[in-house]
C-alpha atoms as a PDB file:
ATOM      1  CA  ASP A   1      11.346 -44.518 -10.151  1.00  0.00           C
ATOM      2  CA  ASP A   2      12.241 -44.795 -13.843  1.00  0.00           C
ATOM      3  CA  VAL A   3       9.396 -42.498 -14.874  1.00  0.00           C
ATOM      4  CA  LYS A   4      10.383 -39.903 -12.283  1.00  0.00           C
ATOM      5  CA  ARG A   5      13.997 -39.959 -13.450  1.00  0.00           C
ATOM      6  CA  LEU A   6      12.949 -39.582 -17.100  1.00  0.00           C
ATOM      7  CA  LEU A   7      10.641 -36.665 -16.308  1.00  0.00           C
ATOM      8  CA  GLU A   8      13.414 -34.950 -14.362  1.00  0.00           C
ATOM      9  CA  ALA A   9      15.662 -35.396 -17.410  1.00  0.00           C
ATOM     10  CA  GLY A  10      13.128 -33.526 -19.560  1.00  0.00           C
ATOM     11  CA  VAL A  11      11.483 -36.468 -21.303  1.00  0.00           C
ATOM     12  CA  HIS A  12       7.896 -35.665 -22.306  1.00  0.00           C
ATOM     13  CA  ALA A  13       6.872 -39.067 -23.632  1.00  0.00           C
ATOM     14  CA  MET A  14       7.924 -42.655 -23.132  1.00  0.00           C
ATOM     15  CA  LEU A  15       7.108 -46.033 -24.593  1.00  0.00           C
ATOM     16  CA  VAL A  16       5.122 -48.005 -22.050  1.00  0.00           C
ATOM     17  CA  GLY A  17       5.104 -51.295 -23.820  1.00  0.00           C
ATOM     18  CA  GLU A  18       5.519 -52.876 -27.189  1.00  0.00           C
ATOM     19  CA  SER A  19       2.398 -54.946 -26.615  1.00  0.00           C
ATOM     20  CA  LEU A  20       0.264 -51.776 -26.525  1.00  0.00           C
ATOM     21  CA  ILE A  21       1.791 -50.489 -29.732  1.00  0.00           C
ATOM     22  CA  LYS A  22       1.243 -53.771 -31.555  1.00  0.00           C
ATOM     23  CA  ALA A  23      -2.252 -54.491 -30.207  1.00  0.00           C
ATOM     24  CA  GLN A  24      -5.079 -54.144 -32.709  1.00  0.00           C
ATOM     25  CA  ASP A  25      -7.453 -53.234 -29.863  1.00  0.00           C
ATOM     26  CA  THR A  26      -5.479 -51.126 -27.390  1.00  0.00           C
ATOM     27  CA  GLY A  27      -8.453 -50.763 -25.048  1.00  0.00           C
ATOM     28  CA  ALA A  28      -8.774 -54.525 -24.733  1.00  0.00           C
ATOM     29  CA  LYS A  29      -5.021 -54.834 -24.218  1.00  0.00           C
ATOM     30  CA  VAL A  30      -5.076 -52.249 -21.421  1.00  0.00           C
ATOM     31  CA  ARG A  31      -7.960 -54.087 -19.746  1.00  0.00           C
ATOM     32  CA  GLU A  32      -6.007 -57.332 -20.091  1.00  0.00           C
ATOM     33  CA  LEU A  33      -2.880 -55.814 -18.535  1.00  0.00           C
ATOM     34  CA  ILE A  34      -4.801 -54.206 -15.684  1.00  0.00           C
ATOM     35  CA  GLY A  35      -6.603 -57.475 -15.042  1.00  0.00           C
ATOM     36  CA  ALA A  36      -3.269 -59.243 -14.802  1.00  0.00           C
ATOM     37  CA  GLN A  37      -2.448 -57.047 -11.795  1.00  0.00           C
ATOM     38  CA  GLY A  38      -5.151 -58.524  -9.655  1.00  0.00           C
END
């Protein structure tokens, strides 16, 4: 819902998480976050 509202407001980019920005290995961090979902 938040993403939809931001896109409708004309936003073209959004910060998805500080942990991704700070991670030395973003690929590993994404795999970790996806794994946390189940």
